């Protein structure tokens, strides 16, 4: 089967955020069973990575230039005008600016030309931010069908519902103006999310909760298809250090990660450090060093490592993976990877959603309040329970989140959509 995947992020090895990492592995797995073509937006400095990425993943990549805030020179004025126009369209149509900025007539024309040239059996569009391009694909498909031509199945993969993290953030803020703005943003996302399901043949939600929300708002043809892990290749390799090592991983360009890390450093770490004077906190991810500097952290036992391409040693020697996420949406790749690698996990209901429930006994799941540091300390005191939970979590990864199984499900949808 010929599959075309459209993504806003080039799936290279240093993509550095959970969704991008998941798309990268999805491409690798799809390419093993299908003829995979990837249309990827490419930002400044990424052009040299296209050929190596395609060879690594075993697919063909069709790069399309996309200018972002890092653009310089003669392209800067054009970017400013396009963003102003995107903001105006968002006001008129009631859709989020974040979605509008990913659409232009020129980009749409180039994508439609590639679709006609490749003639795929299925097109999968990653992330709701590309929804307006899905709308153009729907218009094109309607015309093709009217002319009697064969057309691909259009599948939209949401990753997360943009309304969810904004509504969660609105509940947490004490500023009335911020709360009003967040609710307005959430309303725009809800409108976009619902309409987007009318433009695709199938809409993939990564959790049952997301699917229920979308269907309640009038979404059509929604299915739960989670993101996954390569559990065939990724095996637990654990040799925990004698002294406790807590691990937090995330891209610090993502707001929920910054919120979680700040709570961890301000509220959890002082209590753990007092209880275990030999403990260490490893904070890993793009922007982590600057984040710690900005917080003024002056503790040699709190270590910022920046972006690390191979996290194996952190998972091997770490004692607990801690992710006190109070907000965010979708499925958390950091939790999937930690569980697949066999490290015991302490997280929140937001961190665990779509993955495990308390009754699964596969992780410690507590709110981001005083109970979190108490739970971390209790987990450190009960290594046997930690091993038991990690073993159960790994089994769940193999049974429900294996990329091999997920790709089989995607293939069925491509053929029957």
Protein backbone atom coordinates (compact mmCIF):
# COMPACT_ATOMS: atom_id res chain seq x y z
CA UNK A 1 0.00 0.00 0.00
CA UNK A 2 1.24 3.51 -0.78
CA UNK A 3 0.88 5.77 2.23
CA UNK A 4 1.50 9.52 2.35
CA UNK A 5 2.11 11.16 5.72
CA UNK A 6 1.96 14.93 6.12
CA UNK A 7 3.79 16.38 9.13
CA UNK A 8 4.68 19.90 10.30
CA UNK A 9 7.99 18.68 11.74
CA UNK A 10 10.85 16.97 9.93
CA UNK A 11 11.19 13.61 11.77
CA UNK A 12 14.96 13.81 12.25
CA UNK A 13 16.93 12.33 15.14
CA UNK A 14 17.18 15.60 17.07
CA UNK A 15 13.53 16.65 16.75
CA UNK A 16 13.52 16.92 20.53
CA UNK A 17 9.84 16.78 21.53
CA UNK A 18 7.50 13.90 22.29
CA UNK A 19 5.12 14.25 19.36
CA UNK A 20 7.95 14.62 16.87
CA UNK A 21 9.71 11.59 18.32
CA UNK A 22 6.50 9.57 18.01
CA UNK A 23 6.01 10.59 14.38
CA UNK A 24 9.60 9.67 13.63
CA UNK A 25 9.12 6.14 14.99
CA UNK A 26 5.73 5.85 13.29
CA UNK A 27 7.41 6.63 9.97
CA UNK A 28 10.04 3.97 10.59
CA UNK A 29 7.40 1.35 11.39
CA UNK A 30 5.07 2.28 8.51
CA UNK A 31 7.98 2.16 6.06
CA UNK A 32 8.61 -1.46 7.01
CA UNK A 33 5.24 -2.58 5.65
CA UNK A 34 4.23 0.14 3.16
CA UNK A 35 5.68 2.37 0.48
CA UNK A 36 5.86 5.49 2.62
CA UNK A 37 6.11 9.04 1.37
CA UNK A 38 6.45 11.89 3.88
CA UNK A 39 5.61 15.49 3.08
CA UNK A 40 7.39 17.47 5.78
CA UNK A 41 7.64 21.15 6.50
CA UNK A 42 11.31 22.04 6.78
CA UNK A 43 12.59 24.99 8.79
CA UNK A 44 15.76 27.01 8.54
CA UNK A 45 18.82 24.83 9.07
CA UNK A 46 17.02 21.52 8.51
CA UNK A 47 17.50 21.06 4.75
CA UNK A 48 20.78 19.22 5.23
CA UNK A 49 18.99 16.66 7.44
CA UNK A 50 16.42 15.51 4.88
CA UNK A 51 18.51 12.96 2.99
CA UNK A 52 19.93 11.29 6.10
CA UNK A 53 16.50 11.19 7.75
CA UNK A 54 14.93 9.53 4.72
CA UNK A 55 17.70 6.91 4.61
CA UNK A 56 17.41 6.27 8.34
CA UNK A 57 13.63 5.80 8.27
CA UNK A 58 13.43 3.93 4.98
CA UNK A 59 10.98 6.31 3.31
CA UNK A 60 10.95 9.10 0.74
CA UNK A 61 10.73 12.63 2.14
CA UNK A 62 9.32 15.54 0.14
CA UNK A 63 10.50 18.71 1.93
CA UNK A 64 8.53 21.96 1.82
CA UNK A 65 10.14 25.15 3.12
CA UNK A 66 8.38 26.68 6.11
CA UNK A 67 9.54 29.96 7.60
CA UNK A 68 9.24 30.44 11.36
CA UNK A 69 10.40 33.09 13.83
CA UNK A 70 14.05 32.18 13.22
CA UNK A 71 13.97 33.27 9.59
CA UNK A 72 16.29 36.15 8.63
CA UNK A 73 17.06 38.40 5.68
CA UNK A 74 14.61 39.12 2.90
CA UNK A 75 12.15 36.48 4.15
CA UNK A 76 11.53 38.29 7.45
CA UNK A 77 9.10 40.96 6.14
CA UNK A 78 7.15 38.30 4.22
CA UNK A 79 6.87 36.21 7.39
CA UNK A 80 5.56 39.16 9.38
CA UNK A 81 2.92 39.93 6.74
CA UNK A 82 1.85 36.28 6.51
CA UNK A 83 1.48 36.05 10.29
CA UNK A 84 -0.58 39.25 10.41
CA UNK A 85 -2.81 37.84 7.67
CA UNK A 86 -3.10 34.56 9.60
CA UNK A 87 -4.21 36.46 12.70
CA UNK A 88 -6.84 38.32 10.69
CA UNK A 89 -8.19 35.10 9.18
CA UNK A 90 -8.37 33.58 12.63
CA UNK A 91 -10.53 36.44 13.88
CA UNK A 92 -12.83 36.20 10.86
CA UNK A 93 -13.19 32.42 10.88
CA UNK A 94 -13.00 31.86 14.62
CA UNK A 95 -10.13 29.37 14.36
CA UNK A 96 -6.88 29.46 16.40
CA UNK A 97 -4.04 31.60 15.08
CA UNK A 98 -1.74 28.61 15.67
CA UNK A 99 -3.70 26.71 13.00
CA UNK A 100 -4.04 29.63 10.60
CA UNK A 101 -0.28 30.25 10.50
CA UNK A 102 0.27 26.76 9.04
CA UNK A 103 -1.90 27.50 5.99
CA UNK A 104 -1.19 29.42 2.80
CA UNK A 105 -2.38 29.10 -0.77
CA UNK A 106 1.15 28.36 -1.95
CA UNK A 107 1.70 25.59 0.58
CA UNK A 108 -1.70 24.09 -0.20
CA UNK A 109 -1.00 24.06 -3.95
CA UNK A 110 2.36 22.33 -3.47
CA UNK A 111 0.83 19.65 -1.25
CA UNK A 112 -2.04 18.96 -3.65
CA UNK A 113 0.43 18.69 -6.56
CA UNK A 114 2.46 16.12 -4.61
CA UNK A 115 -0.65 14.13 -3.73
CA UNK A 116 -1.65 13.98 -7.39
CA UNK A 117 1.88 12.95 -8.35
CA UNK A 118 2.32 10.28 -5.64
CA UNK A 119 -1.26 8.90 -5.94
CA UNK A 120 -1.36 7.37 -2.45
CA UNK A 121 -3.94 4.91 -1.16
CA UNK A 122 -4.08 6.78 2.15
CA UNK A 123 -3.09 10.24 3.36
CA UNK A 124 -2.45 10.73 7.08
CA UNK A 125 -2.24 14.32 8.34
CA UNK A 126 -0.39 14.70 11.65
CA UNK A 127 -1.53 17.27 14.23
CA UNK A 128 -4.67 19.41 14.27
CA UNK A 129 -2.58 22.46 13.37
CA UNK A 130 -2.59 21.20 9.76
CA UNK A 131 -6.39 20.96 9.68
CA UNK A 132 -6.88 23.72 7.11
CA UNK A 133 -4.71 21.74 4.70
CA UNK A 134 -6.99 18.76 5.40
CA UNK A 135 -9.90 20.98 4.38
CA UNK A 136 -8.20 21.66 1.04
CA UNK A 137 -7.58 17.95 0.58
CA UNK A 138 -11.29 17.31 1.22
CA UNK A 139 -12.27 19.86 -1.47
CA UNK A 140 -9.81 18.25 -3.89
CA UNK A 141 -11.10 14.77 -3.07
CA UNK A 142 -14.72 15.78 -3.65
CA UNK A 143 -13.82 17.08 -7.10
CA UNK A 144 -11.85 13.95 -7.94
CA UNK A 145 -14.72 11.71 -6.90
CA UNK A 146 -17.16 13.76 -8.99
CA UNK A 147 -14.88 13.19 -11.98
CA UNK A 148 -14.85 9.45 -11.35
CA UNK A 149 -11.24 9.25 -10.13
CA UNK A 150 -9.89 7.02 -7.38
CA UNK A 151 -9.02 8.94 -4.22
CA UNK A 152 -7.09 8.18 -1.03
CA UNK A 153 -8.57 7.74 2.42
CA UNK A 154 -7.99 10.96 4.40
CA UNK A 155 -6.96 10.25 8.00
CA UNK A 156 -6.34 13.03 10.52
CA UNK A 157 -4.21 12.24 13.58
CA UNK A 158 -5.00 14.76 16.33
CA UNK A 159 -2.12 14.04 18.81
CA UNK A 160 -3.98 16.22 21.33
CA UNK A 161 -7.10 18.34 21.40
CA UNK A 162 -5.97 21.94 21.65
CA UNK A 163 -8.98 22.84 23.79
CA UNK A 164 -8.05 20.47 26.62
CA UNK A 165 -4.76 21.98 27.91
CA UNK A 166 -6.21 25.49 27.65
CA UNK A 167 -9.26 24.61 29.71
CA UNK A 168 -7.04 22.90 32.27
CA UNK A 169 -4.79 25.94 32.44
CA UNK A 170 -7.84 28.19 32.86
CA UNK A 171 -8.87 26.20 35.92
CA UNK A 172 -5.43 26.61 37.46
CA UNK A 173 -4.96 30.34 36.87
CA UNK A 174 -6.05 32.92 39.41
CA UNK A 175 -5.94 35.81 36.95
CA UNK A 176 -9.49 36.55 35.65
CA UNK A 177 -8.22 38.07 32.39
CA UNK A 178 -5.94 35.10 31.70
CA UNK A 179 -8.81 32.75 32.48
CA UNK A 180 -11.08 34.58 30.02
CA UNK A 181 -8.44 34.51 27.28
CA UNK A 182 -7.74 30.81 27.78
CA UNK A 183 -11.42 29.96 27.60
CA UNK A 184 -11.75 31.98 24.39
CA UNK A 185 -8.78 30.10 22.93
CA UNK A 186 -10.31 26.79 23.99
CA UNK A 187 -13.59 27.72 22.27
CA UNK A 188 -11.70 28.43 19.02
CA UNK A 189 -9.96 25.07 19.28
CA UNK A 190 -13.25 23.27 19.96
CA UNK A 191 -14.74 24.83 16.82
CA UNK A 192 -11.69 23.82 14.77
CA UNK A 193 -11.56 20.30 16.21
CA UNK A 194 -15.20 19.61 15.38
CA UNK A 195 -14.96 21.02 11.86
CA UNK A 196 -11.73 19.12 11.18
CA UNK A 197 -13.50 15.79 11.64
CA UNK A 198 -15.87 16.78 8.81
CA UNK A 199 -12.94 17.29 6.45
CA UNK A 200 -11.27 13.90 7.03
CA UNK A 201 -12.66 10.41 6.44
CA UNK A 202 -11.30 9.21 9.79
CA UNK A 203 -10.00 11.09 12.81
CA UNK A 204 -7.54 9.33 15.11
CA UNK A 205 -7.61 10.34 18.78
CA UNK A 206 -4.77 9.16 20.99
CA UNK A 207 -6.97 8.56 24.06
CA UNK A 208 -10.55 7.45 24.69
CA UNK A 209 -11.09 10.65 26.69
CA UNK A 210 -10.12 12.79 23.70
CA UNK A 211 -12.45 10.81 21.46
CA UNK A 212 -15.35 11.22 23.90
CA UNK A 213 -14.78 14.98 24.09
CA UNK A 214 -14.61 15.30 20.33
CA UNK A 215 -17.73 13.21 19.74
CA UNK A 216 -19.66 15.17 22.39
CA UNK A 217 -18.83 18.36 20.45
CA UNK A 218 -20.18 16.87 17.20
CA UNK A 219 -17.05 15.19 15.86
CA UNK A 220 -17.56 12.51 13.21
CA UNK A 221 -15.81 9.22 12.41
CA UNK A 222 -13.53 9.31 15.45
CA UNK A 223 -11.37 6.34 16.47
CA UNK A 224 -8.92 5.80 19.31
CA UNK A 225 -5.46 5.01 17.95
CA UNK A 226 -2.70 5.72 20.50
CA UNK A 227 0.87 6.65 19.84
CA UNK A 228 3.30 3.89 20.72
CA UNK A 229 6.76 2.53 21.40
CA UNK A 230 8.97 0.09 19.54
CA UNK A 231 8.78 -2.54 22.27
CA UNK A 232 10.49 -5.11 20.01
CA UNK A 233 13.70 -3.07 19.95
CA UNK A 234 13.40 -1.10 23.17
CA UNK A 235 14.00 -3.45 26.07
CA UNK A 236 14.40 -2.70 29.80
CA UNK A 237 18.06 -2.50 30.77
CA UNK A 238 18.07 -1.56 34.43
CA UNK A 239 20.97 -1.12 36.83
CA UNK A 240 19.75 1.51 39.32
CA UNK A 241 22.39 3.46 41.19
CA UNK A 242 22.79 2.86 44.93
CA UNK A 243 21.90 6.49 45.64
CA UNK A 244 18.43 7.67 44.50
CA UNK A 245 18.33 9.31 41.07
CA UNK A 246 15.11 11.03 40.03
CA UNK A 247 14.62 11.65 36.31
CA UNK A 248 12.51 14.23 34.49
CA UNK A 249 12.56 14.37 30.68
CA UNK A 250 10.86 16.90 28.41
CA UNK A 251 11.26 19.69 25.90
CA UNK A 252 11.28 23.00 27.75
CA UNK A 253 9.74 24.77 24.80
CA UNK A 254 6.48 23.12 25.89
CA UNK A 255 4.55 24.98 28.60
CA UNK A 256 3.24 21.95 30.55
CA UNK A 257 6.80 20.63 30.87
CA UNK A 258 7.99 23.94 32.32
CA UNK A 259 5.08 23.99 34.76
CA UNK A 260 5.76 20.41 35.86
CA UNK A 261 9.51 20.96 36.21
CA UNK A 262 9.01 24.11 38.26
CA UNK A 263 6.64 22.28 40.63
CA UNK A 264 9.13 19.42 40.84
CA UNK A 265 12.04 21.72 41.72
CA UNK A 266 10.13 24.09 44.01
CA UNK A 267 7.84 21.67 45.84
CA UNK A 268 8.99 18.08 45.44
CA UNK A 269 12.76 18.16 45.30
CA UNK A 270 13.36 20.08 48.59
CA UNK A 271 11.40 17.44 50.52
CA UNK A 272 13.11 14.52 48.78
CA UNK A 273 16.56 16.12 49.16
CA UNK A 274 15.94 16.63 52.87
CA UNK A 275 14.85 13.00 53.30
CA UNK A 276 17.66 11.53 51.19
CA UNK A 277 20.77 13.69 51.25
CA UNK A 278 22.42 11.43 48.66
CA UNK A 279 19.63 11.89 46.10
CA UNK A 280 20.15 13.47 42.66
CA UNK A 281 17.65 15.02 40.24
CA UNK A 282 18.45 14.74 36.51
CA UNK A 283 16.54 17.20 34.30
CA UNK A 284 16.92 16.30 30.62
CA UNK A 285 15.60 17.93 27.47
CA UNK A 286 16.16 20.81 25.10
CA UNK A 287 16.24 24.04 27.08
CA UNK A 288 16.62 22.37 30.50
CA UNK A 289 19.92 24.08 31.37
CA UNK A 290 18.59 27.54 30.61
CA UNK A 291 15.39 26.73 32.49
CA UNK A 292 17.34 25.86 35.65
CA UNK A 293 19.45 29.00 35.24
CA UNK A 294 16.33 31.14 34.88
CA UNK A 295 14.92 29.61 38.07
CA UNK A 296 18.16 30.40 39.86
CA UNK A 297 18.74 26.80 40.89
CA UNK A 298 21.98 26.61 42.87
CA UNK A 299 22.06 22.98 43.92
CA UNK A 300 24.80 20.71 42.63
CA UNK A 301 22.47 17.73 42.98
CA UNK A 302 20.00 19.19 40.43
CA UNK A 303 21.61 18.58 37.05
CA UNK A 304 20.43 20.08 33.77
CA UNK A 305 21.67 18.06 30.80
CA UNK A 306 20.08 19.81 27.80
CA UNK A 307 19.09 17.76 24.75
CA UNK A 308 20.43 14.19 24.89
CA UNK A 309 19.99 12.02 21.80
CA UNK A 310 20.46 8.69 23.61
CA UNK A 311 18.72 8.55 26.98
CA UNK A 312 19.63 4.93 27.71
CA UNK A 313 21.99 5.65 30.62
CA UNK A 314 19.47 7.89 32.35
CA UNK A 315 16.85 5.16 32.25
CA UNK A 316 19.36 2.45 33.15
CA UNK A 317 20.73 4.11 36.28
CA UNK A 318 17.68 6.15 37.32
CA UNK A 319 15.63 5.11 40.35
CA UNK A 320 12.31 6.80 39.54
CA UNK A 321 10.86 8.68 36.60
CA UNK A 322 8.95 11.67 38.03
CA UNK A 323 6.48 13.70 35.95
CA UNK A 324 4.17 15.93 38.05
CA UNK A 325 2.19 17.22 35.06
CA UNK A 326 -0.77 19.35 36.20
CA UNK A 327 -1.83 20.30 32.67
CA UNK A 328 -1.45 19.33 29.04
CA UNK A 329 -3.34 17.05 26.72
CA UNK A 330 -3.10 13.92 24.62
CA UNK A 331 -0.86 10.98 25.39
CA UNK A 332 2.50 11.61 27.03
CA UNK A 333 5.37 10.09 25.08
CA UNK A 334 7.71 10.57 28.05
CA UNK A 335 5.49 8.26 30.14
CA UNK A 336 5.28 5.65 27.36
CA UNK A 337 9.06 5.61 26.97
CA UNK A 338 9.74 5.42 30.70
CA UNK A 339 7.37 2.46 31.04
CA UNK A 340 8.78 0.74 27.97
CA UNK A 341 12.29 1.11 29.41
CA UNK A 342 11.25 -0.40 32.72
CA UNK A 343 11.86 2.53 35.07
CA UNK A 344 9.19 2.98 37.81
CA UNK A 345 6.98 6.00 37.20
CA UNK A 346 5.43 8.56 39.55
CA UNK A 347 3.05 10.88 37.70
CA UNK A 348 -0.30 12.65 37.83
CA UNK A 349 -3.70 11.71 36.37
CA UNK A 350 -2.88 14.07 33.47
CA UNK A 351 0.44 12.29 32.89
CA UNK A 352 -1.12 8.84 32.97
CA UNK A 353 -4.26 9.57 30.92
CA UNK A 354 -4.78 7.27 28.01
CA UNK A 355 -2.02 4.95 29.26
CA UNK A 356 -2.79 3.44 32.67
CA UNK A 357 -5.37 3.80 35.43
CA UNK A 358 -4.79 3.49 39.20
CA UNK A 359 -6.41 0.05 39.17
CA UNK A 360 -3.69 -1.18 36.78
CA UNK A 361 -1.16 -0.76 39.61
CA UNK A 362 1.48 0.06 37.00
CA UNK A 363 2.55 3.48 38.31
CA UNK A 364 2.06 5.82 41.24
CA UNK A 365 -0.64 8.28 40.12
CA UNK A 366 -1.25 11.28 42.39
CA UNK A 367 -2.17 14.96 41.89
CA UNK A 368 0.50 17.64 41.72
CA UNK A 369 0.13 18.74 45.35
CA UNK A 370 1.66 17.79 48.71
CA UNK A 371 0.85 14.15 48.04
CA UNK A 372 3.34 14.05 45.20
CA UNK A 373 6.51 14.42 47.26
CA UNK A 374 5.08 12.05 49.87
CA UNK A 375 4.50 9.46 47.15
CA UNK A 376 8.00 9.89 45.71
CA UNK A 377 9.52 9.29 49.15
CA UNK A 378 7.28 6.25 49.71
CA UNK A 379 8.32 4.86 46.30
CA UNK A 380 11.99 5.27 47.18
CA UNK A 381 11.36 3.36 50.40
CA UNK A 382 9.71 0.41 48.64
CA UNK A 383 11.98 -0.82 45.81
CA UNK A 384 10.15 -4.15 45.59
CA UNK A 385 6.86 -2.37 44.89
CA UNK A 386 8.64 -0.18 42.36
CA UNK A 387 9.88 -3.21 40.45
CA UNK A 388 6.40 -4.77 40.51
CA UNK A 389 4.77 -1.64 39.09
CA UNK A 390 7.45 -1.25 36.41
CA UNK A 391 6.99 -4.87 35.35
CA UNK A 392 3.24 -4.39 34.99
CA UNK A 393 3.80 -1.16 33.06
CA UNK A 394 6.16 -2.86 30.63
CA UNK A 395 3.60 -5.60 30.00
CA UNK A 396 0.95 -2.97 29.20
CA UNK A 397 3.34 -1.33 26.75
CA UNK A 398 3.83 -4.63 24.94
CA UNK A 399 0.14 -5.50 24.85
CA UNK A 400 -1.41 -2.11 24.05
CA UNK A 401 1.24 0.33 22.83
CA UNK A 402 3.51 -1.68 20.55
CA UNK A 403 4.10 0.14 17.26
CA UNK A 404 3.81 -3.20 15.49
CA UNK A 405 0.23 -3.60 16.69
CA UNK A 406 -0.64 0.06 16.12
CA UNK A 407 0.64 -0.04 12.52
CA UNK A 408 -1.50 -3.11 11.89
CA UNK A 409 -4.54 -1.17 13.09
CA UNK A 410 -3.62 1.83 10.93
CA UNK A 411 -3.29 -0.45 7.91
CA UNK A 412 -6.80 -1.80 8.49
CA UNK A 413 -8.16 1.75 8.65
CA UNK A 414 -6.32 2.76 5.48
CA UNK A 415 -7.99 -0.08 3.63
CA UNK A 416 -11.44 0.24 5.14
CA UNK A 417 -11.83 3.97 5.70
